[in-house]
Amino acid sequence: MRILVTGGAGFIGSALVRRLIQHTDHQVLVFDKLTYAGVLSSLELAAASNRYSFVQADICDAEAVSKALSDFQPQVIAHLAAESHVDRSIDGPGAFVQTNLVGTFVMLNQALGYWRGLSDADKAAFRFHHISTDEVFGSLGEEGFFTETTPYDPRSPYSASKAGSDHLVRAWGHTYGLPVLVTNCSNNYGPYHFPEKLIPLIIIRALNGEPLPVYGDGSNVRDWLFVEDHAAALQAVFEKGAPGQTYNVGGNAERRNIDVVRTICAILDRHRPHTDGRSYAEQIAFVTDRPGHDQRYAIDASKIRAELGWTPSVTFEQGIEATVVWFLENEAWWRDILDQRYATERLGHG
């Protein structure tokens, strides 16, 4: 198949592209604006293939989207392009409304026009796959899980913008008949993770001898999903998923934030111990909580498991170990990002 991946230079997008180039015969076009979080070096393993191509453009640019569709003639659009960091959405929500809502509207409108021009067989085979987040569902108490039918209750500018984009995608499916798919995933982690997010931030600040900031008392719970497992789930959904369906994707790995940070410190203690014998955990520093910080997310992924046969391939312990080792072995990748665009400073004060 020919698969157009918006946001393909981002964290999850690049993992999907690497997987498609390395493990399938699909052709892939990456469509990416290359904002601060778009990192071309994350695509070097894929870019060597003659099945890979790249267009630098904005999903809000209808003309550029239309040209990419007509030139590449995709059978699948995997729509990952989005502003994605809650803290940044608190500081500057406008960019999230523009990219996540307006950009998704432009993608849907252009995809609809393109789809209407296809043959009946190609129309039936086409998929617009919108990749979203579990944060649209709000916050859970100590019990329960998000399912595909959980009511929406977004709490941050980021999650509100993603909730809106989910609704737009489903509306284009119901109103115009566009064959759409939606996936809502839990927190991703793994290689090539942009340093502003919790796990890479903790690894990098630990190695730099800096304080390790933990919001509030560290009791907030997230369900962690290894990014390469997520990429496999996305492939399963657009290859085998039924149009109009939603699939939740989770790692079945709930952890308190403080326990994630302590696990990272313990792995670093083994792989790169301090010369004076101190533990990296001594660098942990509790800081003022994020405004409106959701307490707990947890995904029920039984639908995608039952219908499409997807399950996570690694435990959190295996995945976090591999992630820390990757950051230790690929310091040039993240040092370049720190030098050019992000210095691990606190964001999201409100």
C-alpha atoms as a PDB file:
ATOM      1  CA  MET A   1       0.000   0.000   0.000  1.00  0.00           C
ATOM      2  CA  ARG A   2       0.880   3.669  -0.261  1.00  0.00           C
ATOM      3  CA  ILE A   3       0.655   5.305   3.175  1.00  0.00           C
ATOM      4  CA  LEU A   4       0.829   9.050   3.808  1.00  0.00           C
ATOM      5  CA  VAL A   5       1.954   9.759   7.381  1.00  0.00           C
ATOM      6  CA  THR A   6       1.339  13.279   8.673  1.00  0.00           C
ATOM      7  CA  GLY A   7       3.690  14.184  11.510  1.00  0.00           C
ATOM      8  CA  GLY A   8       5.996  11.397  10.407  1.00  0.00           C
ATOM      9  CA  ALA A   9       9.088  13.117  11.827  1.00  0.00           C
ATOM     10  CA  GLY A  10       7.594  13.170  15.314  1.00  0.00           C
ATOM     11  CA  PHE A  11       8.046  10.571  18.019  1.00  0.00           C
ATOM     12  CA  ILE A  12       5.180   8.173  17.244  1.00  0.00           C
ATOM     13  CA  GLY A  13       5.100   9.028  13.545  1.00  0.00           C
ATOM     14  CA  SER A  14       8.763   8.205  13.025  1.00  0.00           C
ATOM     15  CA  ALA A  15       8.347   4.899  14.882  1.00  0.00           C
ATOM     16  CA  LEU A  16       5.501   3.997  12.524  1.00  0.00           C
ATOM     17  CA  VAL A  17       7.529   5.007   9.459  1.00  0.00           C
ATOM     18  CA  ARG A  18      10.574   3.017  10.570  1.00  0.00           C
ATOM     19  CA  ARG A  19       8.369  -0.018  11.149  1.00  0.00           C
ATOM     20  CA  LEU A  20       6.657   0.243   7.752  1.00  0.00           C
ATOM     21  CA  ILE A  21       9.939   0.595   5.882  1.00  0.00           C
ATOM     22  CA  GLN A  22      11.747  -2.138   7.840  1.00  0.00           C
ATOM     23  CA  HIS A  23       8.963  -4.738   8.161  1.00  0.00           C
ATOM     24  CA  THR A  24       6.558  -4.259   5.221  1.00  0.00           C
ATOM     25  CA  ASP A  25       6.602  -3.576   1.487  1.00  0.00           C
ATOM     26  CA  HIS A  26       4.450  -0.449   1.818  1.00  0.00           C
ATOM     27  CA  GLN A  27       5.493   2.858   0.277  1.00  0.00           C
ATOM     28  CA  VAL A  28       5.537   5.755   2.745  1.00  0.00           C
ATOM     29  CA  LEU A  29       5.284   9.517   2.275  1.00  0.00           C
ATOM     30  CA  VAL A  30       6.106  11.584   5.353  1.00  0.00           C
ATOM     31  CA  PHE A  31       4.249  14.916   5.407  1.00  0.00           C
ATOM     32  CA  ASP A  32       5.686  17.051   8.200  1.00  0.00           C
ATOM     33  CA  LYS A  33       6.049  20.766   8.932  1.00  0.00           C
ATOM     34  CA  LEU A  34       9.203  20.114  10.975  1.00  0.00           C
ATOM     35  CA  THR A  35       8.210  22.179  13.980  1.00  0.00           C
ATOM     36  CA  TYR A  36      10.450  22.050  17.062  1.00  0.00           C
ATOM     37  CA  ALA A  37       9.432  18.409  17.732  1.00  0.00           C
ATOM     38  CA  GLY A  38       9.951  17.181  14.159  1.00  0.00           C
ATOM     39  CA  VAL A  39      13.365  15.518  14.051  1.00  0.00           C
ATOM     40  CA  LEU A  40      14.612  14.272  10.675  1.00  0.00           C
ATOM     41  CA  SER A  41      17.411  12.272  12.289  1.00  0.00           C
ATOM     42  CA  SER A  42      14.681  10.004  13.731  1.00  0.00           C
ATOM     43  CA  LEU A  43      13.973   8.933  10.128  1.00  0.00           C
ATOM     44  CA  GLU A  44      17.518   8.168   8.974  1.00  0.00           C
ATOM     45  CA  LEU A  45      16.970   4.402   9.112  1.00  0.00           C
ATOM     46  CA  ALA A  46      13.917   4.757   6.850  1.00  0.00           C
ATOM     47  CA  ALA A  47      15.195   7.489   4.557  1.00  0.00           C
ATOM     48  CA  ALA A  48      17.716   5.163   2.893  1.00  0.00           C
ATOM     49  CA  SER A  49      14.854   3.171   1.329  1.00  0.00           C
ATOM     50  CA  ASN A  50      13.496   3.885  -2.146  1.00  0.00           C
ATOM     51  CA  ARG A  51      10.014   3.283  -0.671  1.00  0.00           C
ATOM     52  CA  TYR A  52      10.371   6.394   1.510  1.00  0.00           C
ATOM     53  CA  SER A  53       9.689   9.984   0.469  1.00  0.00           C
ATOM     54  CA  PHE A  54       9.317  13.257   2.354  1.00  0.00           C
ATOM     55  CA  VAL A  55       7.421  16.524   1.921  1.00  0.00           C
ATOM     56  CA  GLN A  56       7.947  19.452   4.274  1.00  0.00           C
ATOM     57  CA  ALA A  57       4.557  21.150   4.575  1.00  0.00           C
ATOM     58  CA  ASP A  58       1.852  22.226   7.022  1.00  0.00           C
ATOM     59  CA  ILE A  59      -1.396  20.262   7.442  1.00  0.00           C
ATOM     60  CA  CYS A  60      -3.176  23.640   7.628  1.00  0.00           C
ATOM     61  CA  ASP A  61      -2.041  24.370   4.038  1.00  0.00           C
ATOM     62  CA  ALA A  62      -4.882  22.964   1.915  1.00  0.00           C
ATOM     63  CA  GLU A  63      -2.983  23.415  -1.334  1.00  0.00           C
ATOM     64  CA  ALA A  64       0.048  21.510  -0.078  1.00  0.00           C
ATOM     65  CA  VAL A  65      -2.152  18.713   1.281  1.00  0.00           C
ATOM     66  CA  SER A  66      -4.074  18.476  -2.003  1.00  0.00           C
ATOM     67  CA  LYS A  67      -0.860  18.296  -4.030  1.00  0.00           C
ATOM     68  CA  ALA A  68       0.587  15.561  -1.804  1.00  0.00           C
ATOM     69  CA  LEU A  69      -2.585  13.499  -2.163  1.00  0.00           C
ATOM     70  CA  SER A  70      -2.778  13.856  -5.944  1.00  0.00           C
ATOM     71  CA  ASP A  71       0.941  13.194  -6.432  1.00  0.00           C
ATOM     72  CA  PHE A  72       1.285  10.247  -4.042  1.00  0.00           C
ATOM     73  CA  GLN A  73      -2.193   8.697  -4.401  1.00  0.00           C
ATOM     74  CA  PRO A  74      -2.284   7.124  -0.910  1.00  0.00           C
ATOM     75  CA  GLN A  75      -4.549   4.267   0.090  1.00  0.00           C
ATOM     76  CA  VAL A  76      -4.087   5.167   3.762  1.00  0.00           C
ATOM     77  CA  ILE A  77      -3.659   8.487   5.542  1.00  0.00           C
ATOM     78  CA  ALA A  78      -2.187   7.969   9.018  1.00  0.00           C
ATOM     79  CA  HIS A  79      -2.835  11.332  10.638  1.00  0.00           C
ATOM     80  CA  LEU A  80      -0.398  11.888  13.502  1.00  0.00           C
ATOM     81  CA  ALA A  81       0.536  15.556  13.001  1.00  0.00           C
ATOM     82  CA  ALA A  82      -0.381  17.383  16.203  1.00  0.00           C
ATOM     83  CA  GLU A  83       0.832  19.624  18.955  1.00  0.00           C
ATOM     84  CA  SER A  84       1.112  17.104  21.763  1.00  0.00           C
ATOM     85  CA  HIS A  85       2.622  18.442  25.000  1.00  0.00           C
ATOM     86  CA  VAL A  86       0.166  19.338  27.775  1.00  0.00           C
ATOM     87  CA  ASP A  87       2.575  21.792  29.394  1.00  0.00           C
ATOM     88  CA  ARG A  88       3.044  23.711  26.133  1.00  0.00           C
ATOM     89  CA  SER A  89      -0.739  23.829  25.659  1.00  0.00           C
ATOM     90  CA  ILE A  90      -1.052  25.565  29.025  1.00  0.00           C
ATOM     91  CA  ASP A  91       1.461  28.217  27.999  1.00  0.00           C
ATOM     92  CA  GLY A  92       0.241  28.655  24.411  1.00  0.00           C
ATOM     93  CA  PRO A  93      -3.104  27.028  23.575  1.00  0.00           C
ATOM     94  CA  GLY A  94      -3.549  28.837  20.244  1.00  0.00           C
ATOM     95  CA  ALA A  95      -1.095  26.618  18.380  1.00  0.00           C
ATOM     96  CA  PHE A  96      -2.984  23.544  19.603  1.00  0.00           C
ATOM     97  CA  VAL A  97      -6.312  24.843  18.322  1.00  0.00           C
ATOM     98  CA  GLN A  98      -4.745  25.727  14.982  1.00  0.00           C
ATOM     99  CA  THR A  99      -2.845  22.491  14.342  1.00  0.00           C
ATOM    100  CA  ASN A 100      -5.052  19.927  16.050  1.00  0.00           C
ATOM    101  CA  LEU A 101      -8.464  21.315  15.106  1.00  0.00           C
ATOM    102  CA  VAL A 102      -7.993  23.452  11.990  1.00  0.00           C
ATOM    103  CA  GLY A 103      -5.257  21.173  10.631  1.00  0.00           C
ATOM    104  CA  THR A 104      -7.416  18.073  11.072  1.00  0.00           C
ATOM    105  CA  PHE A 105     -10.327  19.864   9.361  1.00  0.00           C
ATOM    106  CA  VAL A 106      -8.081  20.677   6.386  1.00  0.00           C
ATOM    107  CA  MET A 107      -6.832  17.093   6.207  1.00  0.00           C
ATOM    108  CA  LEU A 108     -10.388  15.741   6.299  1.00  0.00           C
ATOM    109  CA  ASN A 109     -11.666  18.146   3.661  1.00  0.00           C
ATOM    110  CA  GLN A 110      -8.806  17.423   1.277  1.00  0.00           C
ATOM    111  CA  ALA A 111      -9.011  13.680   1.926  1.00  0.00           C
ATOM    112  CA  LEU A 112     -12.743  13.762   1.188  1.00  0.00           C
ATOM    113  CA  GLY A 113     -12.223  15.478  -2.152  1.00  0.00           C
ATOM    114  CA  TYR A 114      -9.461  13.040  -3.055  1.00  0.00           C
ATOM    115  CA  TRP A 115     -11.533  10.009  -1.935  1.00  0.00           C
ATOM    116  CA  ARG A 116     -14.546  11.087  -3.981  1.00  0.00           C
ATOM    117  CA  GLY A 117     -12.398  11.003  -7.112  1.00  0.00           C
ATOM    118  CA  LEU A 118     -11.348   7.370  -6.625  1.00  0.00           C
ATOM    119  CA  SER A 119     -12.822   4.311  -8.317  1.00  0.00           C
ATOM    120  CA  ASP A 120     -15.406   2.347  -6.316  1.00  0.00           C
ATOM    121  CA  ALA A 121     -12.843  -0.337  -5.448  1.00  0.00           C
ATOM    122  CA  ASP A 122     -10.269   2.228  -4.340  1.00  0.00           C
ATOM    123  CA  LYS A 123     -12.903   4.098  -2.331  1.00  0.00           C
ATOM    124  CA  ALA A 124     -13.745   0.904  -0.455  1.00  0.00           C
ATOM    125  CA  ALA A 125     -10.069   0.218   0.294  1.00  0.00           C
ATOM    126  CA  PHE A 126      -9.195   3.760   1.447  1.00  0.00           C
ATOM    127  CA  ARG A 127      -8.712   4.599   5.151  1.00  0.00           C
ATOM    128  CA  PHE A 128      -8.293   7.891   7.018  1.00  0.00           C
ATOM    129  CA  HIS A 129      -6.732   6.833  10.329  1.00  0.00           C
ATOM    130  CA  HIS A 130      -6.726   9.508  13.028  1.00  0.00           C
ATOM    131  CA  ILE A 131      -4.309   8.843  15.896  1.00  0.00           C
ATOM    132  CA  SER A 132      -5.416  10.382  19.201  1.00  0.00           C
ATOM    133  CA  THR A 133      -4.927  10.134  22.952  1.00  0.00           C
ATOM    134  CA  ASP A 134      -6.589   8.710  26.061  1.00  0.00           C
ATOM    135  CA  GLU A 135      -6.446  12.197  27.582  1.00  0.00           C
ATOM    136  CA  VAL A 136      -9.704  13.070  25.806  1.00  0.00           C
ATOM    137  CA  PHE A 137     -11.499  10.923  28.400  1.00  0.00           C
ATOM    138  CA  GLY A 138     -10.448  13.046  31.381  1.00  0.00           C
ATOM    139  CA  SER A 139      -9.266  11.582  34.680  1.00  0.00           C
ATOM    140  CA  LEU A 140     -10.002   8.270  36.394  1.00  0.00           C
ATOM    141  CA  GLY A 141     -10.273   7.531  40.086  1.00  0.00           C
ATOM    142  CA  GLU A 142      -8.421   4.620  41.650  1.00  0.00           C
ATOM    143  CA  GLU A 143     -10.555   2.047  39.807  1.00  0.00           C
ATOM    144  CA  GLY A 144     -11.767   1.510  36.263  1.00  0.00           C
ATOM    145  CA  PHE A 145     -10.450   1.864  32.729  1.00  0.00           C
ATOM    146  CA  PHE A 146     -11.102   3.945  29.630  1.00  0.00           C
ATOM    147  CA  THR A 147     -13.009   2.021  26.954  1.00  0.00           C
ATOM    148  CA  GLU A 148     -14.018   2.986  23.432  1.00  0.00           C
ATOM    149  CA  THR A 149     -17.386   4.174  24.778  1.00  0.00           C
ATOM    150  CA  THR A 150     -16.107   6.258  27.711  1.00  0.00           C
ATOM    151  CA  PRO A 151     -17.671   9.758  27.566  1.00  0.00           C
ATOM    152  CA  TYR A 152     -15.299  12.545  26.601  1.00  0.00           C
ATOM    153  CA  ASP A 153     -14.176  14.862  29.411  1.00  0.00           C
ATOM    154  CA  PRO A 154     -10.983  16.686  28.328  1.00  0.00           C
ATOM    155  CA  ARG A 155      -9.293  18.783  31.010  1.00  0.00           C
ATOM    156  CA  SER A 156      -6.366  20.584  29.307  1.00  0.00           C
ATOM    157  CA  PRO A 157      -6.132  22.771  26.177  1.00  0.00           C
ATOM    158  CA  TYR A 158      -4.213  19.889  24.568  1.00  0.00           C
ATOM    159  CA  SER A 159      -6.802  17.207  25.332  1.00  0.00           C
ATOM    160  CA  ALA A 160      -9.666  19.543  24.391  1.00  0.00           C
ATOM    161  CA  SER A 161      -8.094  20.155  20.986  1.00  0.00           C
ATOM    162  CA  LYS A 162      -7.603  16.414  20.445  1.00  0.00           C
ATOM    163  CA  ALA A 163     -11.174  15.694  21.563  1.00  0.00           C
ATOM    164  CA  GLY A 164     -12.402  18.213  19.011  1.00  0.00           C
ATOM    165  CA  SER A 165     -10.345  16.620  16.262  1.00  0.00           C
ATOM    166  CA  ASP A 166     -11.713  13.168  17.164  1.00  0.00           C
ATOM    167  CA  HIS A 167     -15.245  14.526  16.811  1.00  0.00           C
ATOM    168  CA  LEU A 168     -14.443  16.087  13.432  1.00  0.00           C
ATOM    169  CA  VAL A 169     -13.081  12.787  12.115  1.00  0.00           C
ATOM    170  CA  ARG A 170     -16.171  10.856  13.202  1.00  0.00           C
ATOM    171  CA  ALA A 171     -18.419  13.566  11.752  1.00  0.00           C
ATOM    172  CA  TRP A 172     -16.722  13.271   8.346  1.00  0.00           C
ATOM    173  CA  GLY A 173     -17.266   9.533   8.560  1.00  0.00           C
ATOM    174  CA  HIS A 174     -20.942   9.758   9.493  1.00  0.00           C
ATOM    175  CA  THR A 175     -21.911  12.725   7.306  1.00  0.00           C
ATOM    176  CA  TYR A 176     -19.848  12.175   4.165  1.00  0.00           C
ATOM    177  CA  GLY A 177     -19.117   8.444   4.301  1.00  0.00           C
ATOM    178  CA  LEU A 178     -15.334   8.891   4.472  1.00  0.00           C
ATOM    179  CA  PRO A 179     -13.850   5.566   5.714  1.00  0.00           C
ATOM    180  CA  VAL A 180     -12.359   6.723   9.017  1.00  0.00           C
ATOM    181  CA  LEU A 181     -10.596   4.982  11.897  1.00  0.00           C
ATOM    182  CA  VAL A 182      -9.759   6.458  15.301  1.00  0.00           C
ATOM    183  CA  THR A 183      -7.270   5.154  17.856  1.00  0.00           C
ATOM    184  CA  ASN A 184      -6.811   6.545  21.365  1.00  0.00           C
ATOM    185  CA  CYS A 185      -3.530   5.553  22.998  1.00  0.00           C
ATOM    186  CA  SER A 186      -1.968   5.794  26.429  1.00  0.00           C
ATOM    187  CA  ASN A 187       1.377   7.489  27.184  1.00  0.00           C
ATOM    188  CA  ASN A 188       4.095   6.387  24.773  1.00  0.00           C
ATOM    189  CA  TYR A 189       7.789   5.995  25.574  1.00  0.00           C
ATOM    190  CA  GLY A 190      10.839   4.582  23.837  1.00  0.00           C
ATOM    191  CA  PRO A 191      13.771   5.466  21.553  1.00  0.00           C
ATOM    192  CA  TYR A 192      13.762   8.860  19.778  1.00  0.00           C
ATOM    193  CA  HIS A 193      11.420  10.381  22.388  1.00  0.00           C
ATOM    194  CA  PHE A 194      11.570  14.201  22.312  1.00  0.00           C
ATOM    195  CA  PRO A 195      13.280  15.390  25.520  1.00  0.00           C
ATOM    196  CA  GLU A 196      10.412  17.508  26.872  1.00  0.00           C
ATOM    197  CA  LYS A 197       8.385  14.437  27.947  1.00  0.00           C
ATOM    198  CA  LEU A 198       8.773  12.807  31.367  1.00  0.00           C
ATOM    199  CA  ILE A 199      10.897   9.717  30.645  1.00  0.00           C
ATOM    200  CA  PRO A 200      13.543  11.244  28.329  1.00  0.00           C
ATOM    201  CA  LEU A 201      13.584  14.404  30.446  1.00  0.00           C
ATOM    202  CA  ILE A 202      14.421  12.410  33.571  1.00  0.00           C
ATOM    203  CA  ILE A 203      17.108  10.361  31.777  1.00  0.00           C
ATOM    204  CA  ILE A 204      18.815  13.446  30.339  1.00  0.00           C
ATOM    205  CA  ARG A 205      18.624  15.584  33.463  1.00  0.00           C
ATOM    206  CA  ALA A 206      19.939  12.672  35.534  1.00  0.00           C
ATOM    207  CA  LEU A 207      22.945  12.279  33.243  1.00  0.00           C
ATOM    208  CA  ASN A 208      23.550  16.041  33.376  1.00  0.00           C
ATOM    209  CA  GLY A 209      23.576  15.979  37.197  1.00  0.00           C
ATOM    210  CA  GLU A 210      20.479  18.189  37.393  1.00  0.00           C
ATOM    211  CA  PRO A 211      17.423  17.966  39.676  1.00  0.00           C
ATOM    212  CA  LEU A 212      14.775  15.478  38.513  1.00  0.00           C
ATOM    213  CA  PRO A 213      11.453  17.363  38.686  1.00  0.00           C
ATOM    214  CA  VAL A 214       8.434  15.343  39.812  1.00  0.00           C
ATOM    215  CA  TYR A 215       5.076  17.150  39.796  1.00  0.00           C
ATOM    216  CA  GLY A 216       3.172  17.296  43.094  1.00  0.00           C
ATOM    217  CA  ASP A 217       3.733  14.177  45.172  1.00  0.00           C
ATOM    218  CA  GLY A 218       4.389  11.932  42.155  1.00  0.00           C
ATOM    219  CA  SER A 219       1.208   9.907  42.698  1.00  0.00           C
ATOM    220  CA  ASN A 220      -0.291  10.602  39.240  1.00  0.00           C
ATOM    221  CA  VAL A 221      -0.729   7.341  37.340  1.00  0.00           C
ATOM    222  CA  ARG A 222      -0.218   6.718  33.625  1.00  0.00           C
ATOM    223  CA  ASP A 223      -0.545   3.587  31.490  1.00  0.00           C
ATOM    224  CA  TRP A 224       2.747   3.294  29.583  1.00  0.00           C
ATOM    225  CA  LEU A 225       2.944   1.995  26.005  1.00  0.00           C
ATOM    226  CA  PHE A 226       6.235   1.178  24.261  1.00  0.00           C
ATOM    227  CA  VAL A 227       6.249   3.221  21.055  1.00  0.00           C
ATOM    228  CA  GLU A 228       7.242   0.300  18.819  1.00  0.00           C
ATOM    229  CA  ASP A 229       4.277  -1.684  20.156  1.00  0.00           C
ATOM    230  CA  HIS A 230       2.076   1.319  19.361  1.00  0.00           C
ATOM    231  CA  ALA A 231       3.413   1.408  15.790  1.00  0.00           C
ATOM    232  CA  ALA A 232       2.489  -2.268  15.396  1.00  0.00           C
ATOM    233  CA  ALA A 233      -1.012  -1.498  16.691  1.00  0.00           C
ATOM    234  CA  LEU A 234      -1.447   1.354  14.206  1.00  0.00           C
ATOM    235  CA  GLN A 235      -0.425  -0.913  11.343  1.00  0.00           C
ATOM    236  CA  ALA A 236      -2.923  -3.547  12.495  1.00  0.00           C
ATOM    237  CA  VAL A 237      -5.705  -0.961  12.647  1.00  0.00           C
ATOM    238  CA  PHE A 238      -5.301   0.555   9.181  1.00  0.00           C
ATOM    239  CA  GLU A 239      -4.650  -2.845   7.577  1.00  0.00           C
ATOM    240  CA  LYS A 240      -7.442  -4.796   9.305  1.00  0.00           C
ATOM    241  CA  GLY A 241      -9.682  -2.385  11.245  1.00  0.00           C
ATOM    242  CA  ALA A 242     -13.313  -1.807  10.238  1.00  0.00           C
ATOM    243  CA  PRO A 243     -14.169   1.698   8.932  1.00  0.00           C
ATOM    244  CA  GLY A 244     -15.988   3.806  11.489  1.00  0.00           C
ATOM    245  CA  GLN A 245     -14.467   1.932  14.434  1.00  0.00           C
ATOM    246  CA  THR A 246     -12.462   3.237  17.366  1.00  0.00           C
ATOM    247  CA  TYR A 247      -9.721   1.186  19.035  1.00  0.00           C
ATOM    248  CA  ASN A 248      -8.055   1.956  22.375  1.00  0.00           C
ATOM    249  CA  VAL A 249      -4.351   1.109  22.520  1.00  0.00           C
ATOM    250  CA  GLY A 250      -2.697   0.683  25.925  1.00  0.00           C
ATOM    251  CA  GLY A 251       0.370  -0.974  27.331  1.00  0.00           C
ATOM    252  CA  ASN A 252      -1.326  -2.534  30.364  1.00  0.00           C
ATOM    253  CA  ALA A 253       1.449  -0.945  32.420  1.00  0.00           C
ATOM    254  CA  GLU A 254       0.063   1.478  34.987  1.00  0.00           C
ATOM    255  CA  ARG A 255       2.742   3.189  37.027  1.00  0.00           C
ATOM    256  CA  ARG A 256       2.862   6.169  39.385  1.00  0.00           C
ATOM    257  CA  ASN A 257       5.108   8.929  38.045  1.00  0.00           C
ATOM    258  CA  ILE A 258       7.394   8.707  41.074  1.00  0.00           C
ATOM    259  CA  ASP A 259       7.845   4.954  40.493  1.00  0.00           C
ATOM    260  CA  VAL A 260       8.736   5.561  36.839  1.00  0.00           C
ATOM    261  CA  VAL A 261      11.379   8.085  37.893  1.00  0.00           C
ATOM    262  CA  ARG A 262      12.807   5.743  40.542  1.00  0.00           C
ATOM    263  CA  THR A 263      12.948   2.890  38.018  1.00  0.00           C
ATOM    264  CA  ILE A 264      14.918   5.068  35.603  1.00  0.00           C
ATOM    265  CA  CYS A 265      17.309   6.037  38.409  1.00  0.00           C
ATOM    266  CA  ALA A 266      17.873   2.376  39.316  1.00  0.00           C
ATOM    267  CA  ILE A 267      18.645   1.461  35.683  1.00  0.00           C
ATOM    268  CA  LEU A 268      21.096   4.359  35.414  1.00  0.00           C
ATOM    269  CA  ASP A 269      22.700   3.296  38.701  1.00  0.00           C
ATOM    270  CA  ARG A 270      23.481  -0.052  37.043  1.00  0.00           C
ATOM    271  CA  HIS A 271      24.480   1.129  33.573  1.00  0.00           C
ATOM    272  CA  ARG A 272      26.274   4.403  34.373  1.00  0.00           C
ATOM    273  CA  PRO A 273      26.871   4.618  38.119  1.00  0.00           C
ATOM    274  CA  HIS A 274      28.011   7.842  39.756  1.00  0.00           C
ATOM    275  CA  THR A 275      31.727   7.685  40.538  1.00  0.00           C
ATOM    276  CA  ASP A 276      31.059   8.622  44.174  1.00  0.00           C
ATOM    277  CA  GLY A 277      28.506   5.837  44.644  1.00  0.00           C
ATOM    278  CA  ARG A 278      25.460   8.109  44.965  1.00  0.00           C
ATOM    279  CA  SER A 279      22.147   6.989  43.498  1.00  0.00           C
ATOM    280  CA  TYR A 280      20.540   9.093  40.810  1.00  0.00           C
ATOM    281  CA  ALA A 281      17.412   8.967  42.992  1.00  0.00           C
ATOM    282  CA  GLU A 282      19.093  11.530  45.250  1.00  0.00           C
ATOM    283  CA  GLN A 283      18.506  14.077  42.452  1.00  0.00           C
ATOM    284  CA  ILE A 284      14.692  13.730  42.658  1.00  0.00           C
ATOM    285  CA  ALA A 285      13.033  17.077  43.451  1.00  0.00           C
ATOM    286  CA  PHE A 286       9.276  17.465  43.983  1.00  0.00           C
ATOM    287  CA  VAL A 287       7.972  20.619  42.267  1.00  0.00           C
ATOM    288  CA  THR A 288       4.689  22.544  42.115  1.00  0.00           C
ATOM    289  CA  ASP A 289       2.096  20.477  40.279  1.00  0.00           C
ATOM    290  CA  ARG A 290       0.902  21.189  36.757  1.00  0.00           C
ATOM    291  CA  PRO A 291      -2.393  23.171  36.690  1.00  0.00           C
ATOM    292  CA  GLY A 292      -5.336  20.786  36.301  1.00  0.00           C
ATOM    293  CA  HIS A 293      -3.119  17.676  36.403  1.00  0.00           C
ATOM    294  CA  ASP A 294      -5.235  14.558  35.703  1.00  0.00           C
ATOM    295  CA  GLN A 295      -4.767  11.947  38.427  1.00  0.00           C
ATOM    296  CA  ARG A 296      -4.971   8.645  36.568  1.00  0.00           C
ATOM    297  CA  TYR A 297      -5.263   7.249  33.046  1.00  0.00           C
ATOM    298  CA  ALA A 298      -5.706   3.547  32.255  1.00  0.00           C
ATOM    299  CA  ILE A 299      -6.712   1.873  28.992  1.00  0.00           C
ATOM    300  CA  ASP A 300      -8.866  -1.186  28.399  1.00  0.00           C
ATOM    301  CA  ALA A 301      -7.328  -2.535  25.170  1.00  0.00           C
ATOM    302  CA  SER A 302      -9.440  -5.706  24.999  1.00  0.00           C
ATOM    303  CA  LYS A 303     -11.193  -4.665  21.769  1.00  0.00           C
ATOM    304  CA  ILE A 304      -8.047  -4.348  19.645  1.00  0.00           C
ATOM    305  CA  ARG A 305      -6.738  -7.556  21.217  1.00  0.00           C
ATOM    306  CA  ALA A 306      -9.913  -9.509  20.443  1.00  0.00           C
ATOM    307  CA  GLU A 307     -10.686  -8.078  16.994  1.00  0.00           C
ATOM    308  CA  LEU A 308      -7.241  -7.448  15.505  1.00  0.00           C
ATOM    309  CA  GLY A 309      -4.980  -9.741  17.532  1.00  0.00           C
ATOM    310  CA  TRP A 310      -2.679  -6.991  18.825  1.00  0.00           C
ATOM    311  CA  THR A 311      -1.016  -7.195  22.233  1.00  0.00           C
ATOM    312  CA  PRO A 312       2.049  -5.419  23.658  1.00  0.00           C
ATOM    313  CA  SER A 313       5.249  -7.357  22.961  1.00  0.00           C
ATOM    314  CA  VAL A 314       7.261  -6.021  25.910  1.00  0.00           C
ATOM    315  CA  THR A 315       6.606  -5.418  29.590  1.00  0.00           C
ATOM    316  CA  PHE A 316       7.220  -1.979  31.050  1.00  0.00           C
ATOM    317  CA  GLU A 317      10.372  -3.307  32.746  1.00  0.00           C
ATOM    318  CA  GLN A 318      11.746  -4.537  29.415  1.00  0.00           C
ATOM    319  CA  GLY A 319      10.729  -1.404  27.548  1.00  0.00           C
ATOM    320  CA  ILE A 320      12.082   1.107  30.055  1.00  0.00           C
ATOM    321  CA  GLU A 321      15.401  -0.758  30.268  1.00  0.00           C
ATOM    322  CA  ALA A 322      15.713  -0.690  26.459  1.00  0.00           C
ATOM    323  CA  THR A 323      14.780   2.997  26.415  1.00  0.00           C
ATOM    324  CA  VAL A 324      17.363   4.064  28.990  1.00  0.00           C
ATOM    325  CA  VAL A 325      20.066   2.041  27.226  1.00  0.00           C
ATOM    326  CA  TRP A 326      19.098   3.632  23.892  1.00  0.00           C
ATOM    327  CA  PHE A 327      19.480   7.139  25.344  1.00  0.00           C
ATOM    328  CA  LEU A 328      22.866   6.183  26.811  1.00  0.00           C
ATOM    329  CA  GLU A 329      24.027   4.854  23.439  1.00  0.00           C
ATOM    330  CA  ASN A 330      22.582   7.682  21.327  1.00  0.00           C
ATOM    331  CA  GLU A 331      23.680  10.774  23.176  1.00  0.00           C
ATOM    332  CA  ALA A 332      24.517  12.588  19.928  1.00  0.00           C
ATOM    333  CA  TRP A 333      20.837  12.412  18.897  1.00  0.00           C
ATOM    334  CA  TRP A 334      19.486  14.161  21.972  1.00  0.00           C
ATOM    335  CA  ARG A 335      22.468  16.478  22.556  1.00  0.00           C
ATOM    336  CA  ASP A 336      21.790  17.961  19.114  1.00  0.00           C
ATOM    337  CA  ILE A 337      18.164  18.677  20.118  1.00  0.00           C
ATOM    338  CA  LEU A 338      19.226  20.281  23.410  1.00  0.00           C
ATOM    339  CA  ASP A 339      21.765  22.457  21.600  1.00  0.00           C
ATOM    340  CA  GLN A 340      19.288  23.665  18.987  1.00  0.00           C
ATOM    341  CA  ARG A 341      15.791  23.896  20.438  1.00  0.00           C
ATOM    342  CA  TYR A 342      15.056  22.717  23.969  1.00  0.00           C
ATOM    343  CA  ALA A 343      17.079  22.968  27.170  1.00  0.00           C
ATOM    344  CA  THR A 344      14.844  20.862  29.503  1.00  0.00           C
ATOM    345  CA  GLU A 345      13.411  23.992  31.144  1.00  0.00           C
ATOM    346  CA  ARG A 346      10.102  23.872  33.024  1.00  0.00           C
ATOM    347  CA  LEU A 347       7.011  24.494  30.883  1.00  0.00           C
ATOM    348  CA  GLY A 348       3.325  24.802  31.729  1.00  0.00           C
ATOM    349  CA  HIS A 349       3.248  27.120  34.716  1.00  0.00           C
ATOM    350  CA  GLY A 350      -0.142  28.462  33.558  1.00  0.00           C
END
